[in-house]
Amino acid sequence: MSNNHNSKVSHERIETNNGLMIVLILVVLLFGGLVEIVPLFFQKSTTEPVKGLKPYTALQLAGRDIYQREGCYNCHSQMIRPFRAETLRYGPYSVAGEFVYDHPFQWGSKRTGPDLARVGGKYPDSWHFNHMYDPTSMVPGSIMPSYPFMFENELNIGTTNSKIHAMRKMGVPYPNGYEAIANDDLKKQAEAIAANLKNEKIEIPADREIIALIAYLQRLGTDIKVKAATTK
């Protein structure tokens, strides 16, 4: 009888004390989260890169920063779920090994617009160029805003070295000394994209932000295609 009474008192004390209830809920959530998350750090399937995965080039890394700056992840996820409806629309479902060099990853759970996990190589550079300048010109009825300033803003390459250094600190295997040639690599890739656009009757300097963003978008999802090709 005494044990039942004590249990009732304890429960009543917790249920009537908002502060204590909140603390205990947080403790339970923290413990549950640790149980779910910590083992993932020791599973090879979640910590090893897919075969053929390479770090972002300097230009792609700059484009990813622009993607984050403009909040593109608020409307576009980069995680295809393993459901038939998703794989039929977007392609192979996402696997953890694709994202081990992403800091932070861009998975997301909100899709105002389509998932972008496999958009790389799906469209030519000119499609992305026109889509960012006027989304409705490529997707009638689109509610996506336009980004005309990206066509005028010169890409800031003054922080390239520090970005590469920071990524290496987080485990991205950039070669030693890559910082010294990173901007040369960036300019070379940018000029190639500008040349592709010129072949499609689009003239724009290679040092504009839109060029970096196109480089990033054209990279998305291509690593899994490399894996598929190497396993055949």
C-alpha atoms as a PDB file:
ATOM      1  CA  MET A   1       0.000   0.000   0.000  1.00  0.00           C
ATOM      2  CA  SER A   2       2.866   2.317   0.907  1.00  0.00           C
ATOM      3  CA  ASN A   3       4.671   1.629  -2.397  1.00  0.00           C
ATOM      4  CA  ASN A   4       1.529   2.431  -4.401  1.00  0.00           C
ATOM      5  CA  HIS A   5       1.070   5.637  -2.445  1.00  0.00           C
ATOM      6  CA  ASN A   6       4.679   6.707  -3.002  1.00  0.00           C
ATOM      7  CA  SER A   7       4.403   5.948  -6.732  1.00  0.00           C
ATOM      8  CA  LYS A   8       1.225   8.010  -6.963  1.00  0.00           C
ATOM      9  CA  VAL A   9       2.885  10.911  -5.148  1.00  0.00           C
ATOM     10  CA  SER A  10       5.941  10.732  -7.449  1.00  0.00           C
ATOM     11  CA  HIS A  11       3.796  10.719 -10.589  1.00  0.00           C
ATOM     12  CA  GLU A  12       1.661  13.558  -9.286  1.00  0.00           C
ATOM     13  CA  ARG A  13       4.739  15.581  -8.458  1.00  0.00           C
ATOM     14  CA  ILE A  14       6.089  15.162 -11.989  1.00  0.00           C
ATOM     15  CA  GLU A  15       2.768  15.824 -13.720  1.00  0.00           C
ATOM     16  CA  THR A  16       2.065  18.990 -11.758  1.00  0.00           C
ATOM     17  CA  ASN A  17       5.560  20.468 -11.988  1.00  0.00           C
ATOM     18  CA  ASN A  18       5.989  21.914 -15.477  1.00  0.00           C
ATOM     19  CA  GLY A  19       9.683  22.585 -15.059  1.00  0.00           C
ATOM     20  CA  LEU A  20      10.449  19.073 -13.875  1.00  0.00           C
ATOM     21  CA  MET A  21       8.310  17.572 -16.639  1.00  0.00           C
ATOM     22  CA  ILE A  22      10.206  19.551 -19.300  1.00  0.00           C
ATOM     23  CA  VAL A  23      13.593  18.507 -17.887  1.00  0.00           C
ATOM     24  CA  LEU A  24      12.622  14.822 -17.800  1.00  0.00           C
ATOM     25  CA  ILE A  25      11.231  14.974 -21.346  1.00  0.00           C
ATOM     26  CA  LEU A  26      14.478  16.515 -22.569  1.00  0.00           C
ATOM     27  CA  VAL A  27      16.500  13.808 -20.793  1.00  0.00           C
ATOM     28  CA  VAL A  28      14.429  11.076 -22.468  1.00  0.00           C
ATOM     29  CA  LEU A  29      14.749  12.726 -25.895  1.00  0.00           C
ATOM     30  CA  LEU A  30      18.496  13.191 -25.434  1.00  0.00           C
ATOM     31  CA  PHE A  31      18.984   9.580 -24.431  1.00  0.00           C
ATOM     32  CA  GLY A  32      16.833   8.330 -27.307  1.00  0.00           C
ATOM     33  CA  GLY A  33      18.682  10.550 -29.759  1.00  0.00           C
ATOM     34  CA  LEU A  34      22.061   9.290 -28.594  1.00  0.00           C
ATOM     35  CA  VAL A  35      20.934   5.686 -28.913  1.00  0.00           C
ATOM     36  CA  GLU A  36      19.800   6.368 -32.485  1.00  0.00           C
ATOM     37  CA  ILE A  37      22.662   8.573 -33.658  1.00  0.00           C
ATOM     38  CA  VAL A  38      25.873   7.437 -31.939  1.00  0.00           C
ATOM     39  CA  PRO A  39      25.941   3.926 -33.525  1.00  0.00           C
ATOM     40  CA  LEU A  40      25.850   5.548 -36.979  1.00  0.00           C
ATOM     41  CA  PHE A  41      29.305   7.008 -36.405  1.00  0.00           C
ATOM     42  CA  PHE A  42      30.695   3.476 -36.187  1.00  0.00           C
ATOM     43  CA  GLN A  43      28.876   1.908 -39.135  1.00  0.00           C
ATOM     44  CA  LYS A  44      30.963   1.734 -42.284  1.00  0.00           C
ATOM     45  CA  SER A  45      27.891   2.126 -44.488  1.00  0.00           C
ATOM     46  CA  THR A  46      27.340   5.610 -43.085  1.00  0.00           C
ATOM     47  CA  THR A  47      30.933   6.808 -42.708  1.00  0.00           C
ATOM     48  CA  GLU A  48      32.673   5.473 -45.826  1.00  0.00           C
ATOM     49  CA  PRO A  49      32.308   7.327 -49.129  1.00  0.00           C
ATOM     50  CA  VAL A  50      30.770   5.554 -52.107  1.00  0.00           C
ATOM     51  CA  LYS A  51      33.300   4.270 -54.579  1.00  0.00           C
ATOM     52  CA  GLY A  52      34.453   7.051 -56.867  1.00  0.00           C
ATOM     53  CA  LEU A  53      33.365   9.893 -54.566  1.00  0.00           C
ATOM     54  CA  LYS A  54      35.597  12.942 -54.866  1.00  0.00           C
ATOM     55  CA  PRO A  55      35.662  16.220 -52.934  1.00  0.00           C
ATOM     56  CA  TYR A  56      33.932  19.206 -54.505  1.00  0.00           C
ATOM     57  CA  THR A  57      36.107  21.216 -56.833  1.00  0.00           C
ATOM     58  CA  ALA A  58      36.886  24.746 -55.694  1.00  0.00           C
ATOM     59  CA  LEU A  59      34.213  26.131 -58.043  1.00  0.00           C
ATOM     60  CA  GLN A  60      31.607  23.606 -56.923  1.00  0.00           C
ATOM     61  CA  LEU A  61      32.389  24.422 -53.308  1.00  0.00           C
ATOM     62  CA  ALA A  62      31.821  28.112 -54.035  1.00  0.00           C
ATOM     63  CA  GLY A  63      28.556  27.252 -55.778  1.00  0.00           C
ATOM     64  CA  ARG A  64      27.413  25.203 -52.805  1.00  0.00           C
ATOM     65  CA  ASP A  65      28.027  28.193 -50.540  1.00  0.00           C
ATOM     66  CA  ILE A  66      25.843  30.342 -52.803  1.00  0.00           C
ATOM     67  CA  TYR A  67      23.165  27.631 -52.736  1.00  0.00           C
ATOM     68  CA  GLN A  68      23.235  27.762 -48.934  1.00  0.00           C
ATOM     69  CA  ARG A  69      23.383  31.555 -48.817  1.00  0.00           C
ATOM     70  CA  GLU A  70      20.213  31.879 -50.870  1.00  0.00           C
ATOM     71  CA  GLY A  71      18.381  29.294 -48.759  1.00  0.00           C
ATOM     72  CA  CYS A  72      17.709  26.907 -51.650  1.00  0.00           C
ATOM     73  CA  TYR A  73      17.480  24.056 -49.133  1.00  0.00           C
ATOM     74  CA  ASN A  74      14.276  25.609 -47.781  1.00  0.00           C
ATOM     75  CA  CYS A  75      12.393  24.505 -50.881  1.00  0.00           C
ATOM     76  CA  HIS A  76      14.547  21.734 -52.344  1.00  0.00           C
ATOM     77  CA  SER A  77      15.580  18.584 -50.516  1.00  0.00           C
ATOM     78  CA  GLN A  78      18.551  16.470 -51.569  1.00  0.00           C
ATOM     79  CA  MET A  79      17.467  13.105 -50.282  1.00  0.00           C
ATOM     80  CA  ILE A  80      15.534  10.589 -52.360  1.00  0.00           C
ATOM     81  CA  ARG A  81      13.676   8.137 -50.165  1.00  0.00           C
ATOM     82  CA  PRO A  82      13.706   4.401 -50.991  1.00  0.00           C
ATOM     83  CA  PHE A  83      10.137   4.376 -52.310  1.00  0.00           C
ATOM     84  CA  ARG A  84       9.071   3.454 -55.804  1.00  0.00           C
ATOM     85  CA  ALA A  85       7.250   6.746 -56.366  1.00  0.00           C
ATOM     86  CA  GLU A  86      10.440   8.641 -55.521  1.00  0.00           C
ATOM     87  CA  THR A  87      12.903   6.534 -57.484  1.00  0.00           C
ATOM     88  CA  LEU A  88      10.693   6.591 -60.562  1.00  0.00           C
ATOM     89  CA  ARG A  89      10.597  10.381 -60.491  1.00  0.00           C
ATOM     90  CA  TYR A  90      14.083  11.268 -59.318  1.00  0.00           C
ATOM     91  CA  GLY A  91      16.335   8.241 -59.814  1.00  0.00           C
ATOM     92  CA  PRO A  92      18.248   5.953 -57.411  1.00  0.00           C
ATOM     93  CA  TYR A  93      17.552   6.588 -53.751  1.00  0.00           C
ATOM     94  CA  SER A  94      20.156   8.435 -51.721  1.00  0.00           C
ATOM     95  CA  VAL A  95      22.773   6.569 -49.693  1.00  0.00           C
ATOM     96  CA  ALA A  96      24.809   7.921 -46.789  1.00  0.00           C
ATOM     97  CA  GLY A  97      28.143   7.382 -48.530  1.00  0.00           C
ATOM     98  CA  GLU A  98      27.313  10.089 -51.066  1.00  0.00           C
ATOM     99  CA  PHE A  99      27.314  12.805 -48.436  1.00  0.00           C
ATOM    100  CA  VAL A 100      30.342  12.123 -46.246  1.00  0.00           C
ATOM    101  CA  TYR A 101      32.158  15.126 -47.740  1.00  0.00           C
ATOM    102  CA  ASP A 102      29.156  17.455 -47.324  1.00  0.00           C
ATOM    103  CA  HIS A 103      29.560  19.825 -44.384  1.00  0.00           C
ATOM    104  CA  PRO A 104      26.753  20.472 -43.768  1.00  0.00           C
ATOM    105  CA  PHE A 105      24.671  17.995 -45.759  1.00  0.00           C
ATOM    106  CA  GLN A 106      21.662  19.333 -47.683  1.00  0.00           C
ATOM    107  CA  TRP A 107      19.145  16.532 -47.180  1.00  0.00           C
ATOM    108  CA  GLY A 108      16.124  18.523 -46.040  1.00  0.00           C
ATOM    109  CA  SER A 109      12.532  17.417 -45.664  1.00  0.00           C
ATOM    110  CA  LYS A 110      10.698  20.300 -47.367  1.00  0.00           C
ATOM    111  CA  ARG A 111       9.813  20.112 -51.030  1.00  0.00           C
ATOM    112  CA  THR A 112       8.165  23.200 -52.354  1.00  0.00           C
ATOM    113  CA  GLY A 113      10.222  22.442 -55.433  1.00  0.00           C
ATOM    114  CA  PRO A 114      11.527  19.076 -56.688  1.00  0.00           C
ATOM    115  CA  ASP A 115      14.310  17.129 -55.026  1.00  0.00           C
ATOM    116  CA  LEU A 116      17.717  18.007 -56.506  1.00  0.00           C
ATOM    117  CA  ALA A 117      19.727  14.968 -55.425  1.00  0.00           C
ATOM    118  CA  ARG A 118      20.057  13.711 -59.023  1.00  0.00           C
ATOM    119  CA  VAL A 119      19.792  16.941 -60.982  1.00  0.00           C
ATOM    120  CA  GLY A 120      23.449  16.855 -62.070  1.00  0.00           C
ATOM    121  CA  GLY A 121      23.686  16.235 -65.818  1.00  0.00           C
ATOM    122  CA  LYS A 122      19.923  16.137 -66.222  1.00  0.00           C
ATOM    123  CA  TYR A 123      19.848  19.488 -68.021  1.00  0.00           C
ATOM    124  CA  PRO A 124      22.433  21.456 -70.008  1.00  0.00           C
ATOM    125  CA  ASP A 125      24.192  24.424 -68.438  1.00  0.00           C
ATOM    126  CA  SER A 126      21.964  26.796 -70.422  1.00  0.00           C
ATOM    127  CA  TRP A 127      18.845  25.342 -68.777  1.00  0.00           C
ATOM    128  CA  HIS A 128      20.136  26.199 -65.315  1.00  0.00           C
ATOM    129  CA  PHE A 129      21.250  29.624 -66.539  1.00  0.00           C
ATOM    130  CA  ASN A 130      17.803  30.496 -67.885  1.00  0.00           C
ATOM    131  CA  HIS A 131      16.013  28.869 -64.966  1.00  0.00           C
ATOM    132  CA  MET A 132      17.848  30.979 -62.398  1.00  0.00           C
ATOM    133  CA  TYR A 133      17.280  34.154 -64.413  1.00  0.00           C
ATOM    134  CA  ASP A 134      13.582  33.505 -65.051  1.00  0.00           C
ATOM    135  CA  PRO A 135      12.220  30.234 -63.613  1.00  0.00           C
ATOM    136  CA  THR A 136       8.926  30.467 -65.512  1.00  0.00           C
ATOM    137  CA  SER A 137      10.799  30.487 -68.822  1.00  0.00           C
ATOM    138  CA  MET A 138      11.803  26.875 -68.187  1.00  0.00           C
ATOM    139  CA  VAL A 139       9.038  25.726 -65.841  1.00  0.00           C
ATOM    140  CA  PRO A 140       5.725  27.436 -66.626  1.00  0.00           C
ATOM    141  CA  GLY A 141       3.808  28.237 -63.464  1.00  0.00           C
ATOM    142  CA  SER A 142       6.900  28.039 -61.249  1.00  0.00           C
ATOM    143  CA  ILE A 143       6.709  30.007 -57.983  1.00  0.00           C
ATOM    144  CA  MET A 144      10.483  30.058 -57.585  1.00  0.00           C
ATOM    145  CA  PRO A 145      11.974  33.582 -57.409  1.00  0.00           C
ATOM    146  CA  SER A 146      14.509  34.772 -59.951  1.00  0.00           C
ATOM    147  CA  TYR A 147      18.112  35.588 -59.022  1.00  0.00           C
ATOM    148  CA  PRO A 148      19.253  38.256 -61.512  1.00  0.00           C
ATOM    149  CA  PHE A 149      21.968  39.543 -59.163  1.00  0.00           C
ATOM    150  CA  MET A 150      23.899  36.276 -59.591  1.00  0.00           C
ATOM    151  CA  PHE A 151      24.490  37.266 -63.197  1.00  0.00           C
ATOM    152  CA  GLU A 152      26.027  40.568 -62.121  1.00  0.00           C
ATOM    153  CA  ASN A 153      27.851  39.648 -58.892  1.00  0.00           C
ATOM    154  CA  GLU A 154      31.495  38.730 -59.293  1.00  0.00           C
ATOM    155  CA  LEU A 155      32.370  35.517 -57.491  1.00  0.00           C
ATOM    156  CA  ASN A 156      34.441  36.107 -54.368  1.00  0.00           C
ATOM    157  CA  ILE A 157      37.494  33.863 -54.611  1.00  0.00           C
ATOM    158  CA  GLY A 158      39.388  35.513 -51.778  1.00  0.00           C
ATOM    159  CA  THR A 159      38.204  32.880 -49.305  1.00  0.00           C
ATOM    160  CA  THR A 160      38.872  29.810 -51.455  1.00  0.00           C
ATOM    161  CA  ASN A 161      41.997  28.774 -49.560  1.00  0.00           C
ATOM    162  CA  SER A 162      40.324  29.031 -46.162  1.00  0.00           C
ATOM    163  CA  LYS A 163      37.342  27.004 -47.409  1.00  0.00           C
ATOM    164  CA  ILE A 164      39.586  24.204 -48.629  1.00  0.00           C
ATOM    165  CA  HIS A 165      41.506  24.271 -45.362  1.00  0.00           C
ATOM    166  CA  ALA A 166      38.283  24.110 -43.334  1.00  0.00           C
ATOM    167  CA  MET A 167      36.948  21.183 -45.348  1.00  0.00           C
ATOM    168  CA  ARG A 168      40.203  19.272 -44.892  1.00  0.00           C
ATOM    169  CA  LYS A 169      39.941  19.852 -41.138  1.00  0.00           C
ATOM    170  CA  MET A 170      36.578  18.076 -41.283  1.00  0.00           C
ATOM    171  CA  GLY A 171      37.998  15.060 -43.078  1.00  0.00           C
ATOM    172  CA  VAL A 172      37.561  15.952 -46.749  1.00  0.00           C
ATOM    173  CA  PRO A 173      40.639  14.487 -48.490  1.00  0.00           C
ATOM    174  CA  TYR A 174      41.879  17.418 -50.526  1.00  0.00           C
ATOM    175  CA  PRO A 175      45.484  16.845 -51.630  1.00  0.00           C
ATOM    176  CA  ASN A 176      48.196  18.580 -49.635  1.00  0.00           C
ATOM    177  CA  GLY A 177      48.974  21.909 -51.208  1.00  0.00           C
ATOM    178  CA  TYR A 178      45.704  22.070 -53.135  1.00  0.00           C
ATOM    179  CA  GLU A 179      45.095  25.549 -51.684  1.00  0.00           C
ATOM    180  CA  ALA A 180      47.952  26.871 -53.808  1.00  0.00           C
ATOM    181  CA  ILE A 181      46.266  25.866 -57.054  1.00  0.00           C
ATOM    182  CA  ALA A 182      42.607  25.924 -55.998  1.00  0.00           C
ATOM    183  CA  ASN A 183      41.787  29.260 -57.606  1.00  0.00           C
ATOM    184  CA  ASP A 184      43.550  28.281 -60.829  1.00  0.00           C
ATOM    185  CA  ASP A 185      41.437  25.123 -60.856  1.00  0.00           C
ATOM    186  CA  LEU A 186      38.339  27.218 -60.136  1.00  0.00           C
ATOM    187  CA  LYS A 187      38.993  29.612 -63.002  1.00  0.00           C
ATOM    188  CA  LYS A 188      39.663  26.785 -65.443  1.00  0.00           C
ATOM    189  CA  GLN A 189      36.345  25.067 -64.667  1.00  0.00           C
ATOM    190  CA  ALA A 190      34.491  28.395 -64.745  1.00  0.00           C
ATOM    191  CA  GLU A 191      35.882  29.180 -68.175  1.00  0.00           C
ATOM    192  CA  ALA A 192      34.773  25.768 -69.438  1.00  0.00           C
ATOM    193  CA  ILE A 193      31.206  26.415 -68.266  1.00  0.00           C
ATOM    194  CA  ALA A 194      31.235  29.903 -69.790  1.00  0.00           C
ATOM    195  CA  ALA A 195      32.422  28.342 -73.062  1.00  0.00           C
ATOM    196  CA  ASN A 196      29.579  25.815 -72.946  1.00  0.00           C
ATOM    197  CA  LEU A 197      27.117  28.660 -72.497  1.00  0.00           C
ATOM    198  CA  LYS A 198      28.699  30.594 -75.359  1.00  0.00           C
ATOM    199  CA  ASN A 199      28.184  27.602 -77.626  1.00  0.00           C
ATOM    200  CA  GLU A 200      24.503  27.894 -76.747  1.00  0.00           C
ATOM    201  CA  LYS A 201      24.433  31.610 -77.628  1.00  0.00           C
ATOM    202  CA  ILE A 202      24.753  32.834 -74.035  1.00  0.00           C
ATOM    203  CA  GLU A 203      27.485  35.348 -73.293  1.00  0.00           C
ATOM    204  CA  ILE A 204      28.542  35.899 -69.688  1.00  0.00           C
ATOM    205  CA  PRO A 205      31.899  36.415 -67.962  1.00  0.00           C
ATOM    206  CA  ALA A 206      33.329  33.310 -66.295  1.00  0.00           C
ATOM    207  CA  ASP A 207      33.761  35.101 -62.955  1.00  0.00           C
ATOM    208  CA  ARG A 208      30.058  35.489 -62.131  1.00  0.00           C
ATOM    209  CA  GLU A 209      28.268  33.762 -59.249  1.00  0.00           C
ATOM    210  CA  ILE A 210      25.834  31.987 -61.582  1.00  0.00           C
ATOM    211  CA  ILE A 211      28.743  30.038 -63.077  1.00  0.00           C
ATOM    212  CA  ALA A 212      29.676  28.619 -59.661  1.00  0.00           C
ATOM    213  CA  LEU A 213      26.079  27.706 -58.901  1.00  0.00           C
ATOM    214  CA  ILE A 214      25.756  25.881 -62.219  1.00  0.00           C
ATOM    215  CA  ALA A 215      28.952  23.950 -61.418  1.00  0.00           C
ATOM    216  CA  TYR A 216      27.467  22.857 -58.082  1.00  0.00           C
ATOM    217  CA  LEU A 217      24.077  21.872 -59.501  1.00  0.00           C
ATOM    218  CA  GLN A 218      25.698  19.869 -62.292  1.00  0.00           C
ATOM    219  CA  ARG A 219      27.659  17.892 -59.704  1.00  0.00           C
ATOM    220  CA  LEU A 220      24.662  16.787 -57.632  1.00  0.00           C
ATOM    221  CA  GLY A 221      23.971  13.072 -57.772  1.00  0.00           C
ATOM    222  CA  THR A 222      26.707  12.263 -60.233  1.00  0.00           C
ATOM    223  CA  ASP A 223      28.828  10.354 -57.706  1.00  0.00           C
ATOM    224  CA  ILE A 224      26.318   7.510 -57.483  1.00  0.00           C
ATOM    225  CA  LYS A 225      26.420   7.270 -61.283  1.00  0.00           C
ATOM    226  CA  VAL A 226      30.189   6.823 -61.069  1.00  0.00           C
ATOM    227  CA  LYS A 227      29.656   4.049 -58.544  1.00  0.00           C
ATOM    228  CA  ALA A 228      27.149   2.323 -60.822  1.00  0.00           C
ATOM    229  CA  ALA A 229      29.534   2.522 -63.766  1.00  0.00           C
ATOM    230  CA  THR A 230      32.487   1.119 -61.822  1.00  0.00           C
ATOM    231  CA  THR A 231      30.505  -1.845 -60.455  1.00  0.00           C
ATOM    232  CA  LYS A 232      29.317  -3.105 -63.842  1.00  0.00           C
END
